[in-house]
Structures are given as C-alpha cells and as structure tokens.
Amino acid sequence: MPRKEGQKRKLLVLLEILARETDEKHPLSVPQLVEELQEHGVVAERKSVYDDLNTLNNLPDSKYEIVQQRGRGGGYYMTETPFELAELKLLVDAVYASKFITARKSKILIDKLGQFTSKYRQAELDRKVLVSGRIKSTDEKILYTVDALHTAITAGQQVQFKYCDWNLQKRMTPRHDGQLYRVSPWVLVWENGNYYLIAYTEGRLKHYRVDKMQNVHQLPDTTREGAEEYANFDVNVYMQQMFGMFNGPLKRVTLLCENRFAGAMIDRFGTGPILTPCPDGEHFTMTAEIQVSPQFFGWVAGFGTGVVVSRRLPLLEKNQRFKSLLFVLLDAALLFVGFLLANYIRFNYVRYFEPGGAGPALAVAQDPRNIIAGLATSLVLVLIYWVAGIYNNARLHGLAERCTKIAIINAAGLLIFIGALYLLHLDDYSRIVLALFYILSTAAVVFERMVLR
C-alpha cells in the first residue's frame, strides 16, 4: 500500500496545529484536525489521528497535555504550552517597557513570543497601551552590543568601544574625538529601563550605559582584569548609592524625613538603614552611604520640604532639648502658682463652714513647711511628666492622650502632697485647698499644651 504524503512530519504538524489553533475555548474535532492536516500538506485518516493523539500524550517527559472535551462542540485542545499566558504577558510588558529596544524590534519580539501560545490567546498579548508616551530607542544594534558584551564576560576577555553622547542635532557623537575605550567587563545590570556595563578600568570599577556604546569588539588573546576588586564589589549596594546612574563622591548622608515618606525611603534604600524617630514625633532620620551628585539633590527636592539633607540635625536635637527644658520649668512654675492660688482663693474667697473660721487650716497654709511641700510636689510632678513621656512627642501622639496622662499624674501628685504634709506633721490641712490645687494646676498645664502644641 503506497505511503500517504507527509507522513514523516505528521506528528510535528499535528502538534503545531494543537498548539496554535486550540485552547480550552476553541477545541478541534478529529474531522477538523484531518482538514487542518490536509491544509498543511499532510494526508491523514481519522483513525490514524486518534492514534497520533495518544502517541503525543504518552511521550515521556512531555511538557504538554492534549485533553478531549466531550459533548456538543467538543474536540481536542492543548492545555500545556512552554509558557503560560500570564508568563507571556509578563515578558511582553518587559519588552514594551525596555527603552533600549526599538519599536520595530519590540513588535518582532512580541510576535515571536506569541508563537508560544494559541492564535486566540496571542491577541491578548497586544498590550500597546504600555507604549504610549514611552521613549523607545531607534538603534537596533544595541541587541548585538548586549550579545557581544555577554560573550566577552563569559570568555573573560576585554572589550573595546567608542562611548558617545547626544548632541544638539540629536545625534550620537563619540566622546574625546572618537577615542577608543578599553575595559574589562564584569557584569551587565538593568536600571531605569537601561542596560549598564560594570567594567574594570583605570584601577577601579566603573559603569557605562550600553546604548551609548558603539563599535563594541571583543579583544581576543586578552585577559580580563579587576578580579580582586570585583570579588569585593556588591552590585546592589553600588546601585543604591547612585541616583540616575551618575557618579559622585561617596558620602555618609543623614536625611531628615517626614514620617509619611518612610515607604519611599525603604523603596529606595531597602530595609537595611535604620529609621530613627525624632523627638517631635513627626519626622525620622535615616543615614546611608550615597554618591552625592546633582541628581541626588534633585531626587531630594522632589519631596519638597518632606525630605531634607540634615546637616543641621545636631542643632535641631539641641533645640529640641532646650525646648523640653523650657516646658519643664514652665510646668513647674504653673503647678506651684496653682498651689499658691488655691491657698489664696480658699482663705480669701471661699466661705468658712467651721465655727471660728479657718482655724488650724489657715495656720497650716501659712506655715513655711507647707510652701516647701507645695514646691517639692510641683518639682516631683514635672519629673513624673518627664518619665511618662509628656515632653517626648515620639512616645505620645495627640493632645488628648497627653492631657489624660497629666490629669492622672496630678491626681497621684495630690497623694504625694498629702504624704509630705503628714511627714511634716501638718495634719490639719484644708481639703478645699487640695481640690482647688488639683483643678487649677491641671487646667493650667492642659491649657498650656493647647496653646503651645
């Protein structure tokens, strides 16, 4: 019996049809598969197609599965392809986002990626909205430049090239009148949509933007230099230190930031640097090693007044301590004035209910030891304020929390005052004075917080 045409390649053609023409929403029946095979120049019978489907499914280490969908409109479709649709979309987005890949080359690459899924799903890879407003390179030679650099890195050899800049005529012109650069390439890194080459030259590691490199040639019979320097080189730290890939002197910089920018700092510098809260409760400081360049200051300026380079941080902390000391002295004065005013009001404006007038309570009020006890109580109260964090904005956030603590501490202060009077054998003190002392001192300190917060 003569052999039917195209039998040697039938399995391959059938596999391609299933990969490109079917998915779970578009199965093909066996008669339809026979027609598709014939359109590809392969003559087949229905029975042989069934056998071929079983053969494909039973291949060892197969990375795909052919599933039969039963019922009306059923048929066979491929469920497993080299890439899932979500993976292909991710790759397509990366191609669109790459500034160094030209628009023409982007389309070619995306069309090639679409060959790894069905033609129906390939339409979902058309995500051109990502290209809108995005500047794309016009030089397709960059792909071959990247390939040449990878080859040199793998071979451990040096490369030679011309390094260029844009001029006012929008053309790339070589630096230093076309002088050839000779470097030892170590690694390619991706930053801000561009490729950069990290290479050893002139006794140190430097970086070059790949799309500005022209006429890249691998130098045979050369050995790459800088192995010791690269062994101690951390690419991630190097990238964090630079802004816009511009070099500058390496400095240890402290940034003073508003609390709302904590996420922005972590995004830029990672979780390594320590975020230290400031005493005002509204800022934090962060110290990192940075290559200080105009681009760094431009990045800082983008936050407005929310992020500043904190050269005046020691002065700020000194001013904060001075401010806290003033609050301590002011609170002590207010508490003591409240004590004196409570005695004055009690014995001049509050009616006496006991026969004989104020009696022993007045004598206690006029005793110098009572005045000393009131002053000591005022000082003890501000000391408790300090320990409780009343003067530390980083520990207490909000007026209500602060005033509640003041009221509770002042109530405890009355017990301290009563204990002091008993120790001084001044037992006949006025309870009304104690009530007035609490009300006046608490009101004065709380009002001060409301005015000066």
Protein backbone atom coordinates (compact mmCIF):
# COMPACT_ATOMS: atom_id res chain seq x y z
CA MET A 1 0.00 0.00 0.00
CA PRO A 2 1.55 3.36 -1.01
CA ARG A 3 2.59 5.58 1.85
CA LYS A 4 0.41 8.68 2.23
CA GLU A 5 2.02 12.07 1.59
CA GLY A 6 3.60 13.91 4.51
CA GLN A 7 3.54 11.03 6.98
CA LYS A 8 7.05 11.64 8.25
CA ARG A 9 6.15 15.07 9.55
CA LYS A 10 2.54 14.37 10.55
CA LEU A 11 3.19 14.29 14.31
CA LEU A 12 5.09 17.58 14.21
CA VAL A 13 2.39 19.28 12.13
CA LEU A 14 -0.35 17.92 14.39
CA LEU A 15 1.48 19.19 17.44
CA GLU A 16 1.84 22.65 15.89
CA ILE A 17 -1.87 22.73 14.98
CA LEU A 18 -2.88 21.85 18.52
CA ALA A 19 -0.52 24.47 19.98
CA ARG A 20 -1.56 27.32 17.66
CA GLU A 21 -5.18 26.56 16.75
CA THR A 22 -6.66 25.22 20.00
CA ASP A 23 -7.27 26.12 23.63
CA GLU A 24 -9.98 25.27 26.14
CA LYS A 25 -12.42 27.62 24.38
CA HIS A 26 -11.52 26.51 20.87
CA PRO A 27 -11.22 22.70 20.66
CA LEU A 28 -10.96 20.92 17.30
CA SER A 29 -12.73 17.68 16.49
CA VAL A 30 -10.89 14.86 14.72
CA PRO A 31 -12.51 15.67 11.34
CA GLN A 32 -11.40 19.27 11.77
CA LEU A 33 -7.88 18.10 12.64
CA VAL A 34 -7.87 15.99 9.45
CA GLU A 35 -8.81 19.08 7.42
CA GLU A 36 -6.11 21.16 9.12
CA LEU A 37 -3.53 18.48 8.36
CA GLN A 38 -4.57 18.45 4.72
CA GLU A 39 -4.18 22.25 4.54
CA HIS A 40 -0.60 21.71 5.74
CA GLY A 41 0.04 19.11 3.03
CA VAL A 42 -0.43 16.02 5.22
CA VAL A 43 -2.95 13.39 4.19
CA ALA A 44 -4.42 11.54 7.21
CA GLU A 45 -7.31 9.30 8.20
CA ARG A 46 -9.44 9.72 11.30
CA LYS A 47 -8.24 6.50 12.92
CA SER A 48 -4.59 7.44 12.48
CA VAL A 49 -5.26 10.85 14.08
CA TYR A 50 -6.67 9.15 17.19
CA ASP A 51 -3.50 7.04 17.37
CA ASP A 52 -1.32 10.13 16.90
CA LEU A 53 -3.12 11.99 19.73
CA ASN A 54 -2.47 9.06 22.07
CA THR A 55 1.15 8.93 20.95
CA LEU A 56 1.67 12.64 21.68
CA ASN A 57 0.07 12.32 25.11
CA ASN A 58 2.21 9.31 26.02
CA LEU A 59 5.57 10.74 25.04
CA PRO A 60 7.99 10.54 28.03
CA ASP A 61 8.79 13.85 29.79
CA SER A 62 6.17 15.63 27.72
CA LYS A 63 5.63 19.28 28.72
CA TYR A 64 2.13 19.47 27.27
CA GLU A 65 -1.18 17.67 27.62
CA ILE A 66 -3.85 17.11 24.99
CA VAL A 67 -7.34 16.98 26.51
CA GLN A 68 -10.57 15.72 24.96
CA GLN A 69 -13.64 17.89 25.56
CA ARG A 70 -16.78 15.78 25.23
CA GLY A 71 -20.27 16.85 24.29
CA ARG A 72 -21.68 19.22 21.69
CA GLY A 73 -18.95 21.39 20.16
CA GLY A 74 -16.27 19.26 21.79
CA GLY A 75 -12.96 18.14 20.49
CA TYR A 76 -9.28 18.15 21.43
CA TYR A 77 -7.13 21.01 22.70
CA MET A 78 -3.72 21.53 24.23
CA THR A 79 -3.62 22.69 27.85
CA GLU A 80 0.09 22.87 28.46
CA THR A 81 2.41 25.04 26.36
CA PRO A 82 6.03 26.12 27.00
CA PHE A 83 4.72 29.35 28.59
CA GLU A 84 1.55 30.15 30.49
CA LEU A 85 -0.39 33.15 29.20
CA ALA A 86 0.42 35.18 32.33
CA GLU A 87 4.14 34.46 31.82
CA LEU A 88 3.96 35.61 28.20
CA LYS A 89 2.17 38.81 29.24
CA LEU A 90 4.94 39.49 31.73
CA LEU A 91 7.58 39.05 29.04
CA VAL A 92 5.63 41.27 26.63
CA ASP A 93 5.38 44.01 29.26
CA ALA A 94 9.14 43.81 29.81
CA VAL A 95 9.76 44.22 26.07
CA TYR A 96 7.40 47.20 25.84
CA ALA A 97 8.99 48.81 28.91
CA SER A 98 12.54 48.44 27.63
CA LYS A 99 13.63 51.81 26.27
CA PHE A 100 16.68 50.40 24.52
CA ILE A 101 14.59 48.05 22.32
CA THR A 102 13.28 49.85 19.24
CA ALA A 103 9.56 49.89 18.43
CA ARG A 104 10.18 47.74 15.34
CA LYS A 105 12.24 45.17 17.26
CA SER A 106 9.65 45.19 20.07
CA LYS A 107 6.93 44.18 17.60
CA ILE A 108 9.11 41.41 16.15
CA LEU A 109 9.95 40.02 19.59
CA ILE A 110 6.33 40.12 20.72
CA ASP A 111 5.20 38.36 17.56
CA LYS A 112 7.77 35.66 18.27
CA LEU A 113 6.55 35.33 21.83
CA GLY A 114 3.02 34.93 20.50
CA GLN A 115 4.09 31.76 18.72
CA PHE A 116 4.28 30.05 22.12
CA THR A 117 0.50 30.14 22.62
CA SER A 118 -2.66 29.73 20.56
CA LYS A 119 -3.56 32.34 17.96
CA TYR A 120 -6.64 33.21 20.03
CA ARG A 121 -4.61 33.97 23.15
CA GLN A 122 -1.97 35.74 21.08
CA ALA A 123 -4.44 38.59 20.58
CA GLU A 124 -4.33 39.20 24.36
CA LEU A 125 -0.61 39.96 24.08
CA ASP A 126 -1.36 43.10 22.06
CA ARG A 127 -0.86 45.48 25.02
CA LYS A 128 0.15 48.60 23.10
CA VAL A 129 -1.27 50.90 25.77
CA LEU A 130 2.08 50.46 27.56
CA VAL A 131 3.95 52.09 24.67
CA SER A 132 2.03 55.35 24.90
CA GLY A 133 4.33 58.19 25.92
CA ARG A 134 7.32 55.88 26.36
CA ILE A 135 10.55 56.88 24.62
CA LYS A 136 11.99 53.98 22.64
CA SER A 137 15.44 53.66 21.16
CA THR A 138 15.93 53.99 17.41
CA ASP A 139 19.13 51.92 17.26
CA GLU A 140 18.63 48.18 16.82
CA LYS A 141 22.36 47.45 17.06
CA ILE A 142 22.10 47.59 20.86
CA LEU A 143 20.84 43.99 20.94
CA TYR A 144 24.02 42.86 19.24
CA THR A 145 26.06 45.07 21.58
CA VAL A 146 24.49 43.31 24.58
CA ASP A 147 25.21 39.93 22.99
CA ALA A 148 28.86 40.88 22.34
CA LEU A 149 29.29 42.02 25.95
CA HIS A 150 27.77 38.81 27.29
CA THR A 151 30.15 36.82 25.10
CA ALA A 152 33.16 38.76 26.37
CA ILE A 153 32.04 38.38 30.00
CA THR A 154 31.64 34.62 29.54
CA ALA A 155 35.04 34.34 27.83
CA GLY A 156 36.73 36.54 30.46
CA GLN A 157 38.19 38.87 27.84
CA GLN A 158 38.46 42.64 27.45
CA VAL A 159 36.36 44.75 25.08
CA GLN A 160 36.98 47.93 23.09
CA PHE A 161 34.39 50.53 22.07
CA LYS A 162 33.58 54.17 21.47
CA TYR A 163 31.48 55.95 24.10
CA CYS A 164 29.02 58.54 22.83
CA ASP A 165 26.75 61.39 23.93
CA TRP A 166 23.79 63.11 22.32
CA ASN A 167 24.48 66.47 20.68
CA LEU A 168 22.08 69.33 19.91
CA GLN A 169 21.43 67.84 16.48
CA LYS A 170 20.06 64.73 18.22
CA ARG A 171 22.92 62.58 17.03
CA MET A 172 25.22 60.33 18.98
CA THR A 173 28.78 61.67 18.84
CA PRO A 174 31.82 59.86 20.31
CA ARG A 175 33.49 61.35 23.36
CA HIS A 176 37.08 62.57 23.28
CA ASP A 177 37.16 62.82 19.47
CA GLY A 178 36.42 59.13 18.99
CA GLN A 179 38.97 57.81 21.48
CA LEU A 180 38.65 54.05 21.98
CA TYR A 181 37.76 52.80 25.45
CA ARG A 182 39.33 49.53 26.58
CA VAL A 183 37.80 47.90 29.65
CA SER A 184 37.42 44.56 31.42
CA PRO A 185 33.66 43.74 31.51
CA TRP A 186 32.29 42.00 34.59
CA VAL A 187 28.50 42.25 34.70
CA LEU A 188 25.51 43.83 32.95
CA VAL A 189 22.88 45.44 35.18
CA TRP A 190 19.42 46.80 34.47
CA GLU A 191 18.43 50.18 35.94
CA ASN A 192 15.72 52.70 34.99
CA GLY A 193 14.92 50.86 31.77
CA ASN A 194 18.53 50.83 30.55
CA TYR A 195 21.40 48.34 30.41
CA TYR A 196 24.66 49.31 32.13
CA LEU A 197 28.01 47.58 31.91
CA ILE A 198 30.06 47.34 35.10
CA ALA A 199 33.69 47.15 33.99
CA TYR A 200 37.17 47.48 35.46
CA THR A 201 39.38 50.25 34.09
CA GLU A 202 41.91 52.74 35.37
CA GLY A 203 42.28 50.87 38.64
CA ARG A 204 38.59 50.82 39.63
CA LEU A 205 35.15 49.59 38.66
CA LYS A 206 33.05 51.97 36.57
CA HIS A 207 29.76 51.76 34.71
CA TYR A 208 28.85 52.55 31.09
CA ARG A 209 25.41 52.87 29.54
CA VAL A 210 25.19 50.20 26.87
CA ASP A 211 23.06 52.16 24.38
CA LYS A 212 25.84 54.80 24.28
CA MET A 213 28.49 52.25 23.36
CA GLN A 214 29.33 51.88 19.66
CA ASN A 215 31.58 49.51 17.71
CA VAL A 216 31.96 47.06 20.58
CA HIS A 217 34.65 44.48 19.83
CA GLN A 218 35.84 41.58 21.91
CA LEU A 219 39.63 41.54 22.17
CA PRO A 220 40.98 38.02 21.72
CA ASP A 221 44.16 36.98 23.47
CA THR A 222 43.41 39.38 26.35
CA THR A 223 42.66 38.58 29.96
CA ARG A 224 40.04 40.39 31.99
CA GLU A 225 41.42 42.45 34.88
CA GLY A 226 39.98 43.53 38.24
CA ALA A 227 39.10 40.12 39.71
CA GLU A 228 40.08 41.15 43.24
CA GLU A 229 38.10 44.39 43.07
CA TYR A 230 35.02 42.64 41.69
CA ALA A 231 35.19 39.96 44.40
CA ASN A 232 34.65 42.74 46.98
CA PHE A 233 32.05 44.53 44.85
CA ASP A 234 28.35 44.49 45.78
CA VAL A 235 26.25 45.42 42.75
CA ASN A 236 23.08 46.07 44.79
CA VAL A 237 24.86 48.47 47.17
CA TYR A 238 26.51 50.21 44.21
CA MET A 239 23.12 50.77 42.53
CA GLN A 240 21.53 52.07 45.74
CA GLN A 241 24.31 54.60 46.26
CA MET A 242 23.83 56.23 42.85
CA PHE A 243 20.96 58.36 41.58
CA GLY A 244 20.22 58.31 37.87
CA MET A 245 23.43 56.29 37.47
CA PHE A 246 25.50 59.47 37.92
CA ASN A 247 28.76 59.24 39.83
CA GLY A 248 29.77 61.48 42.71
CA PRO A 249 31.86 61.46 45.88
CA LEU A 250 30.77 58.74 48.30
CA LYS A 251 29.43 60.38 51.47
CA ARG A 252 27.62 59.21 54.58
CA VAL A 253 24.44 61.29 54.41
CA THR A 254 21.71 61.72 57.02
CA LEU A 255 18.22 62.53 55.71
CA LEU A 256 15.54 64.15 57.87
CA CYS A 257 12.17 62.92 56.59
CA GLU A 258 8.51 63.29 57.42
CA ASN A 259 7.02 60.05 58.69
CA ARG A 260 4.81 59.69 55.57
CA PHE A 261 7.92 59.16 53.44
CA ALA A 262 9.11 56.04 55.29
CA GLY A 263 7.87 53.84 52.44
CA ALA A 264 9.70 55.94 49.84
CA MET A 265 12.98 55.56 51.74
CA ILE A 266 12.55 51.79 52.10
CA ASP A 267 11.73 51.52 48.38
CA ARG A 268 14.95 53.40 47.50
CA PHE A 269 17.42 52.11 50.10
CA GLY A 270 15.88 48.80 51.21
CA THR A 271 15.33 47.67 54.79
CA GLY A 272 18.99 47.92 55.81
CA PRO A 273 19.18 51.56 57.05
CA ILE A 274 17.66 52.28 60.47
CA LEU A 275 14.74 54.73 60.58
CA THR A 276 15.19 56.67 63.84
CA PRO A 277 12.13 58.60 65.14
CA CYS A 278 12.75 62.26 66.01
CA PRO A 279 11.62 63.80 69.33
CA ASP A 280 8.88 65.79 67.57
CA GLY A 281 7.09 62.58 66.61
CA GLU A 282 6.53 63.82 63.05
CA HIS A 283 9.95 63.09 61.50
CA PHE A 284 12.59 60.38 61.37
CA THR A 285 16.22 60.30 60.35
CA MET A 286 17.95 57.80 58.11
CA THR A 287 21.66 57.52 57.33
CA ALA A 288 23.04 55.87 54.19
CA GLU A 289 26.16 55.95 52.04
CA ILE A 290 25.35 57.88 48.86
CA GLN A 291 27.28 59.04 45.82
CA VAL A 292 26.41 62.72 46.13
CA SER A 293 25.58 64.17 42.71
CA PRO A 294 23.22 66.84 41.34
CA GLN A 295 20.77 64.03 40.58
CA PHE A 296 20.74 63.08 44.27
CA PHE A 297 19.79 66.63 45.27
CA GLY A 298 17.18 66.64 42.51
CA TRP A 299 15.71 63.45 43.96
CA VAL A 300 15.59 65.03 47.43
CA ALA A 301 13.99 68.20 46.04
CA GLY A 302 11.21 66.07 44.56
CA PHE A 303 9.87 65.51 48.09
CA GLY A 304 9.53 69.26 48.72
CA THR A 305 10.07 70.08 52.38
CA GLY A 306 9.27 66.49 53.38
CA VAL A 307 12.87 65.28 52.97
CA VAL A 308 15.98 67.37 53.66
CA VAL A 309 19.68 66.65 53.91
CA SER A 310 20.09 67.01 57.65
CA ARG A 311 23.35 68.86 58.18
CA ARG A 312 21.64 70.79 60.98
CA LEU A 313 20.46 67.66 62.78
CA PRO A 314 22.70 68.13 65.87
CA LEU A 315 21.45 71.72 66.19
CA LEU A 316 17.87 70.51 65.79
CA GLU A 317 18.30 67.97 68.58
CA LYS A 318 19.92 70.62 70.79
CA ASN A 319 17.00 72.96 70.17
CA GLN A 320 14.55 70.16 70.99
CA ARG A 321 16.29 69.50 74.32
CA PHE A 322 16.25 73.22 75.10
CA LYS A 323 12.54 73.39 74.25
CA SER A 324 11.81 70.43 76.55
CA LEU A 325 13.73 72.12 79.38
CA LEU A 326 11.65 75.27 78.95
CA PHE A 327 8.48 73.19 79.18
CA VAL A 328 9.75 71.58 82.38
CA LEU A 329 10.42 74.95 84.01
CA LEU A 330 7.12 76.39 82.78
CA ASP A 331 5.14 73.40 84.06
CA ALA A 332 6.86 73.56 87.45
CA ALA A 333 6.03 77.26 87.69
CA LEU A 334 2.40 76.71 86.69
CA LEU A 335 1.97 73.91 89.23
CA PHE A 336 3.47 75.97 92.04
CA VAL A 337 1.42 79.05 91.10
CA GLY A 338 -1.67 76.82 91.06
CA PHE A 339 -0.80 75.69 94.59
CA LEU A 340 -0.36 79.27 95.84
CA LEU A 341 -3.53 80.43 94.08
CA ALA A 342 -5.52 77.53 95.60
CA ASN A 343 -4.47 78.69 99.10
CA TYR A 344 -5.21 82.32 98.30
CA ILE A 345 -8.71 81.59 96.95
CA ARG A 346 -9.55 79.23 99.80
CA PHE A 347 -8.74 81.62 102.59
CA ASN A 348 -9.95 84.81 100.94
CA TYR A 349 -12.99 83.96 98.84
CA VAL A 350 -14.39 80.61 100.00
CA ARG A 351 -16.91 80.72 102.88
CA TYR A 352 -15.89 79.17 106.18
CA PHE A 353 -18.25 76.45 107.39
CA GLU A 354 -16.44 75.62 110.60
CA PRO A 355 -17.12 77.71 113.75
CA GLY A 356 -14.24 80.05 114.38
CA GLY A 357 -13.23 80.44 110.73
CA ALA A 358 -10.32 78.76 109.03
CA GLY A 359 -8.69 77.80 112.29
CA PRO A 360 -5.83 75.28 112.08
CA ALA A 361 -6.05 75.02 108.28
CA LEU A 362 -5.04 78.66 107.94
CA ALA A 363 -2.10 78.07 110.22
CA VAL A 364 -1.01 75.14 108.05
CA ALA A 365 -1.32 77.30 104.93
CA GLN A 366 0.88 79.98 106.48
CA ASP A 367 3.50 77.52 107.65
CA PRO A 368 6.71 77.76 105.53
CA ARG A 369 6.87 73.99 105.50
CA ASN A 370 3.58 73.91 103.59
CA ILE A 371 5.09 76.18 100.94
CA ILE A 372 8.14 73.90 100.69
CA ALA A 373 5.87 70.85 100.35
CA GLY A 374 3.95 72.55 97.54
CA LEU A 375 7.17 73.46 95.71
CA ALA A 376 8.56 69.95 96.16
CA THR A 377 5.31 68.44 94.88
CA SER A 378 5.46 70.65 91.78
CA LEU A 379 9.02 69.54 91.03
CA VAL A 380 8.15 65.87 91.61
CA LEU A 381 5.18 66.19 89.23
CA VAL A 382 7.29 67.56 86.35
CA LEU A 383 9.79 64.78 87.00
CA ILE A 384 6.97 62.26 86.61
CA TYR A 385 5.85 64.12 83.45
CA TRP A 386 9.34 63.59 82.05
CA VAL A 387 9.45 59.89 82.89
CA ALA A 388 5.94 59.38 81.48
CA GLY A 389 7.00 60.93 78.17
CA ILE A 390 4.92 64.09 78.32
CA TYR A 391 7.80 66.02 76.78
CA ASN A 392 8.65 63.35 74.18
CA ASN A 393 6.48 63.61 71.06
CA ALA A 394 7.85 60.33 69.77
CA ARG A 395 6.20 58.48 72.67
CA LEU A 396 2.90 60.34 72.93
CA HIS A 397 0.94 61.32 69.82
CA GLY A 398 -2.06 63.62 70.29
CA LEU A 399 -3.27 66.22 72.74
CA ALA A 400 -5.97 64.02 74.28
CA GLU A 401 -3.51 61.29 75.27
CA ARG A 402 -1.12 63.83 76.74
CA CYS A 403 -3.81 65.68 78.75
CA THR A 404 -5.25 62.44 80.10
CA LYS A 405 -1.84 61.47 81.45
CA ILE A 406 -1.40 64.91 83.02
CA ALA A 407 -4.75 64.60 84.85
CA ILE A 408 -3.85 61.13 86.17
CA ILE A 409 -0.36 62.21 87.26
CA ASN A 410 -1.73 65.30 89.03
CA ALA A 411 -4.19 63.11 90.95
CA ALA A 412 -1.24 60.98 92.07
CA GLY A 413 0.55 64.24 92.94
CA LEU A 414 -2.13 65.08 95.50
CA LEU A 415 -1.36 61.86 97.33
CA ILE A 416 2.33 62.80 97.27
CA PHE A 417 1.46 66.25 98.71
CA ILE A 418 -0.72 64.76 101.47
CA GLY A 419 2.09 62.34 102.34
CA ALA A 420 4.55 65.24 102.54
CA LEU A 421 2.21 67.14 104.91
CA TYR A 422 1.92 64.12 107.20
CA LEU A 423 5.69 63.74 107.28
CA LEU A 424 5.93 67.39 108.29
CA HIS A 425 3.19 66.88 110.95
CA LEU A 426 0.84 69.32 109.20
CA ASP A 427 -2.26 67.21 109.62
CA ASP A 428 -4.86 69.99 109.71
CA TYR A 429 -4.64 70.88 106.04
CA SER A 430 -7.63 72.13 104.05
CA ARG A 431 -9.33 69.63 101.76
CA ILE A 432 -10.70 72.50 99.70
CA VAL A 433 -7.14 73.67 99.05
CA LEU A 434 -6.32 70.20 97.74
CA ALA A 435 -9.33 70.23 95.39
CA LEU A 436 -8.51 73.72 94.12
CA PHE A 437 -4.84 72.79 93.73
CA TYR A 438 -5.77 69.84 91.52
CA ILE A 439 -8.28 71.76 89.41
CA LEU A 440 -6.13 74.87 88.90
CA SER A 441 -2.83 73.09 88.25
CA THR A 442 -4.36 70.56 85.83
CA ALA A 443 -6.28 73.26 83.96
CA ALA A 444 -3.17 75.48 83.71
CA VAL A 445 -0.91 72.72 82.34
CA VAL A 446 -3.56 71.42 79.92
CA PHE A 447 -4.28 74.96 78.66
CA GLU A 448 -0.56 75.48 78.15
CA ARG A 449 -0.46 72.33 75.98
CA MET A 450 -3.42 73.55 73.93
CA VAL A 451 -1.80 76.95 73.30
CA LEU A 452 1.79 75.80 72.69
CA ARG A 453 1.25 72.42 70.98
